[in-house]
Amino acid sequence: MNNCSHAQNHANCIVSVPIFGGLNHEEMLEIAYITSARTFKKGEMIYMAGDMSGKLHVLHTGKVKVSRFNPNGKEQVIRVIGPGEFMGEFSLFSSVPLTDNAEALETSTMCIIEGSKLMELMGKYPTIAFKVMDVLSKRLEKAENLIEEISLTSVEQRVAGALLTSADVKGNIVLGMKKGDFASQLGMSQETLSRKLAAFQDEGIIELIGHKKIKILDIAGLSSKRDTAINDAPS
């Protein structure tokens, strides 16, 4: 494949990435020249904590879980990313190894961008750097909000709020991850989550359908659970 067709192919890979949204076609091709694409199967690790990356990983298609493990082996899900989002960015700004693990939750194609060359282009096109900073600041805000939520709200409030946020207009929820990962994102164990979901079902607020689907039957009741402080058992 010649350089032109290579760049055009990978331009398709990054065209929907928000941080590159301000670039014209020629500028997009410059990014494409330093980009490669790789497909990962469900369950395959894209990178692991301790790896030396120096690359920016942008998800083109699929879904990826970013997580960390504590010394006891307990996993904390940091976030689940979808197409157009990126990860591994901290390896661009420092020489320390990666601290997260990235696992494909389904067949996923990554656009992998050479970090040192991307940094050069950030100097040439400051809008890219500003957009990266904007995304990182929003992630920091989200992380701070989660810390506050875990500290100041009950398990019941967190579960209710997450269900309301995840539901479509008809009250249907399809979990795009394992229940254990969903629980980890909420700062609780899978057992605690399962008990709370079962309690909501017993109260007629939700209906559990298989392992992945949930139907909200009483939106007002679930909203009340979210908005009312309840002394809950520790997670």
C-alpha atoms as a PDB file:
ATOM      1  CA  MET A   1       0.000   0.000   0.000  1.00  0.00           C
ATOM      2  CA  ASN A   2       1.465   3.394  -0.962  1.00  0.00           C
ATOM      3  CA  ASN A   3       1.644   6.320   1.453  1.00  0.00           C
ATOM      4  CA  CYS A   4      -1.334   8.084  -0.097  1.00  0.00           C
ATOM      5  CA  SER A   5      -3.696   5.109   0.136  1.00  0.00           C
ATOM      6  CA  HIS A   6      -2.359   4.258   3.615  1.00  0.00           C
ATOM      7  CA  ALA A   7      -3.125   7.767   4.832  1.00  0.00           C
ATOM      8  CA  GLN A   8      -6.545   7.827   3.198  1.00  0.00           C
ATOM      9  CA  ASN A   9      -7.439   4.488   4.799  1.00  0.00           C
ATOM     10  CA  HIS A  10      -6.472   5.629   8.279  1.00  0.00           C
ATOM     11  CA  ALA A  11      -8.086   9.026   7.764  1.00  0.00           C
ATOM     12  CA  ASN A  12     -11.331   7.059   7.715  1.00  0.00           C
ATOM     13  CA  CYS A  13     -10.284   5.600  11.052  1.00  0.00           C
ATOM     14  CA  ILE A  14      -9.874   8.966  12.784  1.00  0.00           C
ATOM     15  CA  VAL A  15     -12.342  11.183  10.933  1.00  0.00           C
ATOM     16  CA  SER A  16     -14.997  10.838  13.651  1.00  0.00           C
ATOM     17  CA  VAL A  17     -12.596  11.516  16.544  1.00  0.00           C
ATOM     18  CA  PRO A  18     -13.707  14.734  18.306  1.00  0.00           C
ATOM     19  CA  ILE A  19     -10.175  15.907  19.169  1.00  0.00           C
ATOM     20  CA  PHE A  20      -9.379  16.057  15.444  1.00  0.00           C
ATOM     21  CA  GLY A  21     -12.689  17.677  14.511  1.00  0.00           C
ATOM     22  CA  GLY A  22     -11.177  21.083  13.700  1.00  0.00           C
ATOM     23  CA  LEU A  23      -8.722  19.799  11.098  1.00  0.00           C
ATOM     24  CA  ASN A  24      -9.204  20.042   7.351  1.00  0.00           C
ATOM     25  CA  HIS A  25      -8.644  17.108   5.000  1.00  0.00           C
ATOM     26  CA  GLU A  26      -4.925  17.753   4.437  1.00  0.00           C
ATOM     27  CA  GLU A  27      -4.287  18.131   8.160  1.00  0.00           C
ATOM     28  CA  MET A  28      -6.263  14.959   8.846  1.00  0.00           C
ATOM     29  CA  LEU A  29      -4.012  13.109   6.411  1.00  0.00           C
ATOM     30  CA  GLU A  30      -0.992  14.226   8.454  1.00  0.00           C
ATOM     31  CA  ILE A  31      -2.495  12.458  11.453  1.00  0.00           C
ATOM     32  CA  ALA A  32      -3.309   9.444   9.308  1.00  0.00           C
ATOM     33  CA  TYR A  33       0.340   9.114   8.207  1.00  0.00           C
ATOM     34  CA  ILE A  34       1.355   8.391  11.827  1.00  0.00           C
ATOM     35  CA  THR A  35      -1.599   6.106  12.522  1.00  0.00           C
ATOM     36  CA  SER A  36      -1.919   2.339  12.317  1.00  0.00           C
ATOM     37  CA  ALA A  37      -5.031   0.223  12.855  1.00  0.00           C
ATOM     38  CA  ARG A  38      -5.400  -3.028  14.770  1.00  0.00           C
ATOM     39  CA  THR A  39      -8.416  -5.170  15.583  1.00  0.00           C
ATOM     40  CA  PHE A  40      -8.756  -6.888  18.969  1.00  0.00           C
ATOM     41  CA  LYS A  41     -11.051  -9.794  19.782  1.00  0.00           C
ATOM     42  CA  LYS A  42     -13.479  -9.785  22.715  1.00  0.00           C
ATOM     43  CA  GLY A  43     -11.513 -10.337  25.931  1.00  0.00           C
ATOM     44  CA  GLU A  44      -8.159  -9.449  24.350  1.00  0.00           C
ATOM     45  CA  MET A  45      -5.930  -6.999  26.203  1.00  0.00           C
ATOM     46  CA  ILE A  46      -5.029  -3.867  24.255  1.00  0.00           C
ATOM     47  CA  TYR A  47      -2.441  -2.891  26.836  1.00  0.00           C
ATOM     48  CA  MET A  48      -1.691  -3.667  30.476  1.00  0.00           C
ATOM     49  CA  ALA A  49      -0.460  -1.722  33.484  1.00  0.00           C
ATOM     50  CA  GLY A  50       3.321  -1.567  33.391  1.00  0.00           C
ATOM     51  CA  ASP A  51       3.559  -1.401  29.604  1.00  0.00           C
ATOM     52  CA  MET A  52       5.607   1.384  28.078  1.00  0.00           C
ATOM     53  CA  SER A  53       3.328   2.737  25.374  1.00  0.00           C
ATOM     54  CA  GLY A  54       4.115   6.201  24.069  1.00  0.00           C
ATOM     55  CA  LYS A  55       1.077   5.919  21.828  1.00  0.00           C
ATOM     56  CA  LEU A  56      -2.443   7.311  21.801  1.00  0.00           C
ATOM     57  CA  HIS A  57      -5.115   4.645  21.384  1.00  0.00           C
ATOM     58  CA  VAL A  58      -8.301   5.873  19.706  1.00  0.00           C
ATOM     59  CA  LEU A  59     -11.271   3.530  19.449  1.00  0.00           C
ATOM     60  CA  HIS A  60     -12.689   3.308  15.920  1.00  0.00           C
ATOM     61  CA  THR A  61     -15.292   0.573  16.425  1.00  0.00           C
ATOM     62  CA  GLY A  62     -16.320  -1.554  19.395  1.00  0.00           C
ATOM     63  CA  LYS A  63     -16.190  -1.057  23.155  1.00  0.00           C
ATOM     64  CA  VAL A  64     -13.238  -1.100  25.577  1.00  0.00           C
ATOM     65  CA  LYS A  65     -13.001  -1.328  29.358  1.00  0.00           C
ATOM     66  CA  VAL A  66     -10.280   0.658  31.148  1.00  0.00           C
ATOM     67  CA  SER A  67      -9.571  -0.580  34.673  1.00  0.00           C
ATOM     68  CA  ARG A  68      -7.043  -0.929  37.478  1.00  0.00           C
ATOM     69  CA  PHE A  69      -6.324  -3.671  40.001  1.00  0.00           C
ATOM     70  CA  ASN A  70      -5.429  -3.110  43.650  1.00  0.00           C
ATOM     71  CA  PRO A  71      -2.715  -5.210  45.393  1.00  0.00           C
ATOM     72  CA  ASN A  72      -5.390  -7.722  46.444  1.00  0.00           C
ATOM     73  CA  GLY A  73      -6.439  -8.275  42.850  1.00  0.00           C
ATOM     74  CA  LYS A  74      -9.742  -6.424  43.071  1.00  0.00           C
ATOM     75  CA  GLU A  75     -10.631  -4.663  39.830  1.00  0.00           C
ATOM     76  CA  GLN A  76     -11.850  -1.078  39.682  1.00  0.00           C
ATOM     77  CA  VAL A  77     -13.424  -0.121  36.369  1.00  0.00           C
ATOM     78  CA  ILE A  78     -12.341   3.430  35.509  1.00  0.00           C
ATOM     79  CA  ARG A  79     -14.494   3.877  32.427  1.00  0.00           C
ATOM     80  CA  VAL A  80     -15.897   2.119  29.389  1.00  0.00           C
ATOM     81  CA  ILE A  81     -15.128   3.915  26.137  1.00  0.00           C
ATOM     82  CA  GLY A  82     -16.905   3.905  22.794  1.00  0.00           C
ATOM     83  CA  PRO A  83     -16.007   4.897  19.216  1.00  0.00           C
ATOM     84  CA  GLY A  84     -14.205   8.250  18.898  1.00  0.00           C
ATOM     85  CA  GLU A  85     -12.849   8.186  22.470  1.00  0.00           C
ATOM     86  CA  PHE A  86      -9.186   7.725  23.344  1.00  0.00           C
ATOM     87  CA  MET A  87      -7.032   6.201  26.088  1.00  0.00           C
ATOM     88  CA  GLY A  88      -3.398   5.780  27.050  1.00  0.00           C
ATOM     89  CA  GLU A  89      -2.926   9.541  26.819  1.00  0.00           C
ATOM     90  CA  PHE A  90      -0.766   9.900  29.932  1.00  0.00           C
ATOM     91  CA  SER A  91       2.057   7.992  28.266  1.00  0.00           C
ATOM     92  CA  LEU A  92       2.279  10.915  25.828  1.00  0.00           C
ATOM     93  CA  PHE A  93       3.128  13.395  28.555  1.00  0.00           C
ATOM     94  CA  SER A  94       5.454  11.346  30.761  1.00  0.00           C
ATOM     95  CA  SER A  95       7.871   8.432  30.475  1.00  0.00           C
ATOM     96  CA  VAL A  96       6.251   6.419  33.278  1.00  0.00           C
ATOM     97  CA  PRO A  97       4.607   3.060  32.470  1.00  0.00           C
ATOM     98  CA  LEU A  98       0.867   2.828  31.918  1.00  0.00           C
ATOM     99  CA  THR A  99      -1.165   2.399  35.102  1.00  0.00           C
ATOM    100  CA  ASP A 100      -4.404   1.143  33.513  1.00  0.00           C
ATOM    101  CA  ASN A 101      -5.472  -2.041  31.770  1.00  0.00           C
ATOM    102  CA  ALA A 102      -7.500  -1.870  28.563  1.00  0.00           C
ATOM    103  CA  GLU A 103      -9.625  -4.860  27.524  1.00  0.00           C
ATOM    104  CA  ALA A 104     -11.858  -5.240  24.481  1.00  0.00           C
ATOM    105  CA  LEU A 105     -15.439  -5.938  25.581  1.00  0.00           C
ATOM    106  CA  GLU A 106     -16.343  -6.857  22.011  1.00  0.00           C
ATOM    107  CA  THR A 107     -14.467  -7.049  18.726  1.00  0.00           C
ATOM    108  CA  SER A 108     -12.846  -3.612  18.550  1.00  0.00           C
ATOM    109  CA  THR A 109     -10.651  -1.733  16.087  1.00  0.00           C
ATOM    110  CA  MET A 110      -8.137   0.749  17.471  1.00  0.00           C
ATOM    111  CA  CYS A 111      -6.403   3.608  15.692  1.00  0.00           C
ATOM    112  CA  ILE A 112      -2.937   3.659  17.264  1.00  0.00           C
ATOM    113  CA  ILE A 113      -1.117   6.970  16.862  1.00  0.00           C
ATOM    114  CA  GLU A 114       2.622   7.447  17.363  1.00  0.00           C
ATOM    115  CA  GLY A 115       2.914   9.642  20.450  1.00  0.00           C
ATOM    116  CA  SER A 116       6.116  11.545  19.719  1.00  0.00           C
ATOM    117  CA  LYS A 117       4.927  12.488  16.249  1.00  0.00           C
ATOM    118  CA  LEU A 118       1.489  13.437  17.561  1.00  0.00           C
ATOM    119  CA  MET A 119       3.156  15.775  20.067  1.00  0.00           C
ATOM    120  CA  GLU A 120       4.909  17.489  17.157  1.00  0.00           C
ATOM    121  CA  LEU A 121       1.580  17.963  15.386  1.00  0.00           C
ATOM    122  CA  MET A 122       0.058  19.357  18.602  1.00  0.00           C
ATOM    123  CA  GLY A 123       2.659  22.101  18.395  1.00  0.00           C
ATOM    124  CA  LYS A 124       1.730  22.700  14.778  1.00  0.00           C
ATOM    125  CA  TYR A 125      -2.032  22.540  15.393  1.00  0.00           C
ATOM    126  CA  PRO A 126      -2.707  23.794  18.956  1.00  0.00           C
ATOM    127  CA  THR A 127      -6.441  23.054  18.601  1.00  0.00           C
ATOM    128  CA  ILE A 128      -5.624  19.344  18.992  1.00  0.00           C
ATOM    129  CA  ALA A 129      -3.828  19.999  22.282  1.00  0.00           C
ATOM    130  CA  PHE A 130      -6.684  22.181  23.530  1.00  0.00           C
ATOM    131  CA  LYS A 131      -9.248  19.496  22.711  1.00  0.00           C
ATOM    132  CA  VAL A 132      -7.181  16.808  24.455  1.00  0.00           C
ATOM    133  CA  MET A 133      -6.982  19.051  27.527  1.00  0.00           C
ATOM    134  CA  ASP A 134     -10.733  19.629  27.369  1.00  0.00           C
ATOM    135  CA  VAL A 135     -11.436  15.884  27.322  1.00  0.00           C
ATOM    136  CA  LEU A 136      -9.009  15.242  30.174  1.00  0.00           C
ATOM    137  CA  SER A 137     -10.545  18.013  32.294  1.00  0.00           C
ATOM    138  CA  LYS A 138     -14.013  16.501  31.775  1.00  0.00           C
ATOM    139  CA  ARG A 139     -12.698  13.090  32.788  1.00  0.00           C
ATOM    140  CA  LEU A 140     -11.180  14.613  35.919  1.00  0.00           C
ATOM    141  CA  GLU A 141     -14.478  16.302  36.750  1.00  0.00           C
ATOM    142  CA  LYS A 142     -16.317  13.011  36.248  1.00  0.00           C
ATOM    143  CA  ALA A 143     -13.845  11.198  38.498  1.00  0.00           C
ATOM    144  CA  GLU A 144     -14.215  13.837  41.208  1.00  0.00           C
ATOM    145  CA  ASN A 145     -18.002  13.608  40.958  1.00  0.00           C
ATOM    146  CA  LEU A 146     -17.802   9.829  41.347  1.00  0.00           C
ATOM    147  CA  ILE A 147     -15.595  10.142  44.427  1.00  0.00           C
ATOM    148  CA  GLU A 148     -18.076  12.600  45.908  1.00  0.00           C
ATOM    149  CA  GLU A 149     -20.988  10.327  45.012  1.00  0.00           C
ATOM    150  CA  ILE A 150     -19.398   7.283  46.638  1.00  0.00           C
ATOM    151  CA  SER A 151     -18.559   9.288  49.759  1.00  0.00           C
ATOM    152  CA  LEU A 152     -21.868  11.090  50.195  1.00  0.00           C
ATOM    153  CA  THR A 153     -24.568   8.835  48.772  1.00  0.00           C
ATOM    154  CA  SER A 154     -25.911   5.415  49.713  1.00  0.00           C
ATOM    155  CA  VAL A 155     -25.653   2.282  47.618  1.00  0.00           C
ATOM    156  CA  GLU A 156     -29.380   2.569  46.924  1.00  0.00           C
ATOM    157  CA  GLN A 157     -29.039   6.105  45.571  1.00  0.00           C
ATOM    158  CA  ARG A 158     -26.108   5.161  43.336  1.00  0.00           C
ATOM    159  CA  VAL A 159     -27.855   2.145  41.834  1.00  0.00           C
ATOM    160  CA  ALA A 160     -31.088   4.073  41.274  1.00  0.00           C
ATOM    161  CA  GLY A 161     -29.244   6.980  39.676  1.00  0.00           C
ATOM    162  CA  ALA A 162     -27.226   4.705  37.391  1.00  0.00           C
ATOM    163  CA  LEU A 163     -30.358   2.889  36.214  1.00  0.00           C
ATOM    164  CA  LEU A 164     -32.164   6.138  35.462  1.00  0.00           C
ATOM    165  CA  THR A 165     -29.146   7.459  33.547  1.00  0.00           C
ATOM    166  CA  SER A 166     -28.755   4.247  31.531  1.00  0.00           C
ATOM    167  CA  ALA A 167     -32.422   3.830  30.543  1.00  0.00           C
ATOM    168  CA  ASP A 168     -33.866   4.772  27.181  1.00  0.00           C
ATOM    169  CA  VAL A 169     -37.079   6.802  26.854  1.00  0.00           C
ATOM    170  CA  LYS A 170     -39.179   3.663  27.428  1.00  0.00           C
ATOM    171  CA  GLY A 171     -37.327   2.696  30.586  1.00  0.00           C
ATOM    172  CA  ASN A 172     -35.378  -0.144  28.989  1.00  0.00           C
ATOM    173  CA  ILE A 173     -31.777  -0.799  29.979  1.00  0.00           C
ATOM    174  CA  VAL A 174     -29.303  -3.078  28.213  1.00  0.00           C
ATOM    175  CA  LEU A 175     -26.074  -3.445  30.182  1.00  0.00           C
ATOM    176  CA  GLY A 176     -23.137  -3.182  27.806  1.00  0.00           C
ATOM    177  CA  MET A 177     -20.833  -4.871  30.290  1.00  0.00           C
ATOM    178  CA  LYS A 178     -20.749  -7.582  32.937  1.00  0.00           C
ATOM    179  CA  LYS A 179     -22.624  -6.850  36.160  1.00  0.00           C
ATOM    180  CA  GLY A 180     -19.321  -6.995  38.010  1.00  0.00           C
ATOM    181  CA  ASP A 181     -17.925  -4.201  35.842  1.00  0.00           C
ATOM    182  CA  PHE A 182     -21.122  -2.169  36.246  1.00  0.00           C
ATOM    183  CA  ALA A 183     -20.894  -2.594  40.025  1.00  0.00           C
ATOM    184  CA  SER A 184     -17.229  -1.612  40.027  1.00  0.00           C
ATOM    185  CA  GLN A 185     -18.014   1.628  38.215  1.00  0.00           C
ATOM    186  CA  LEU A 186     -20.489   2.440  41.006  1.00  0.00           C
ATOM    187  CA  GLY A 187     -17.965   1.689  43.739  1.00  0.00           C
ATOM    188  CA  MET A 188     -19.572  -1.492  45.094  1.00  0.00           C
ATOM    189  CA  SER A 189     -19.286  -5.260  44.873  1.00  0.00           C
ATOM    190  CA  GLN A 190     -21.288  -7.334  42.408  1.00  0.00           C
ATOM    191  CA  GLU A 191     -23.043  -9.024  45.325  1.00  0.00           C
ATOM    192  CA  THR A 192     -24.178  -5.664  46.709  1.00  0.00           C
ATOM    193  CA  LEU A 193     -25.462  -4.598  43.302  1.00  0.00           C
ATOM    194  CA  SER A 194     -27.338  -7.876  42.813  1.00  0.00           C
ATOM    195  CA  ARG A 195     -28.994  -7.583  46.238  1.00  0.00           C
ATOM    196  CA  LYS A 196     -30.120  -4.037  45.523  1.00  0.00           C
ATOM    197  CA  LEU A 197     -31.472  -4.912  42.076  1.00  0.00           C
ATOM    198  CA  ALA A 198     -33.356  -7.864  43.573  1.00  0.00           C
ATOM    199  CA  ALA A 199     -34.811  -5.558  46.245  1.00  0.00           C
ATOM    200  CA  PHE A 200     -35.960  -3.069  43.606  1.00  0.00           C
ATOM    201  CA  GLN A 201     -37.606  -5.921  41.703  1.00  0.00           C
ATOM    202  CA  ASP A 202     -39.345  -7.183  44.847  1.00  0.00           C
ATOM    203  CA  GLU A 203     -40.758  -3.679  45.324  1.00  0.00           C
ATOM    204  CA  GLY A 204     -42.104  -3.685  41.771  1.00  0.00           C
ATOM    205  CA  ILE A 205     -39.848  -0.815  40.677  1.00  0.00           C
ATOM    206  CA  ILE A 206     -37.880  -2.737  38.057  1.00  0.00           C
ATOM    207  CA  GLU A 207     -37.992  -6.059  36.226  1.00  0.00           C
ATOM    208  CA  LEU A 208     -34.802  -8.059  35.691  1.00  0.00           C
ATOM    209  CA  ILE A 209     -34.791  -9.762  32.289  1.00  0.00           C
ATOM    210  CA  GLY A 210     -31.965 -12.255  31.954  1.00  0.00           C
ATOM    211  CA  HIS A 211     -28.444 -11.128  32.795  1.00  0.00           C
ATOM    212  CA  LYS A 212     -28.208  -7.993  30.658  1.00  0.00           C
ATOM    213  CA  LYS A 213     -31.656  -6.388  30.472  1.00  0.00           C
ATOM    214  CA  ILE A 214     -33.614  -4.358  33.002  1.00  0.00           C
ATOM    215  CA  LYS A 215     -37.012  -2.715  32.609  1.00  0.00           C
ATOM    216  CA  ILE A 216     -37.949   0.252  34.803  1.00  0.00           C
ATOM    217  CA  LEU A 217     -41.590  -0.225  35.831  1.00  0.00           C
ATOM    218  CA  ASP A 218     -41.903   2.730  38.206  1.00  0.00           C
ATOM    219  CA  ILE A 219     -39.789   5.720  37.185  1.00  0.00           C
ATOM    220  CA  ALA A 220     -41.182   7.925  39.962  1.00  0.00           C
ATOM    221  CA  GLY A 221     -40.404   5.275  42.557  1.00  0.00           C
ATOM    222  CA  LEU A 222     -36.857   4.817  41.261  1.00  0.00           C
ATOM    223  CA  SER A 223     -36.347   8.592  41.169  1.00  0.00           C
ATOM    224  CA  SER A 224     -37.442   8.721  44.806  1.00  0.00           C
ATOM    225  CA  LYS A 225     -34.801   6.104  45.670  1.00  0.00           C
ATOM    226  CA  ARG A 226     -32.179   8.224  43.931  1.00  0.00           C
ATOM    227  CA  ASP A 227     -33.200  11.491  45.586  1.00  0.00           C
ATOM    228  CA  THR A 228     -33.838  10.268  49.125  1.00  0.00           C
ATOM    229  CA  ALA A 229     -30.886   9.718  51.453  1.00  0.00           C
ATOM    230  CA  ILE A 230     -31.058   6.228  52.942  1.00  0.00           C
ATOM    231  CA  ASN A 231     -28.659   4.685  55.429  1.00  0.00           C
ATOM    232  CA  ASP A 232     -27.437   1.661  53.528  1.00  0.00           C
ATOM    233  CA  ALA A 233     -25.128  -1.171  54.399  1.00  0.00           C
ATOM    234  CA  PRO A 234     -21.472  -0.734  53.392  1.00  0.00           C
ATOM    235  CA  SER A 235     -20.598  -2.012  49.955  1.00  0.00           C
END
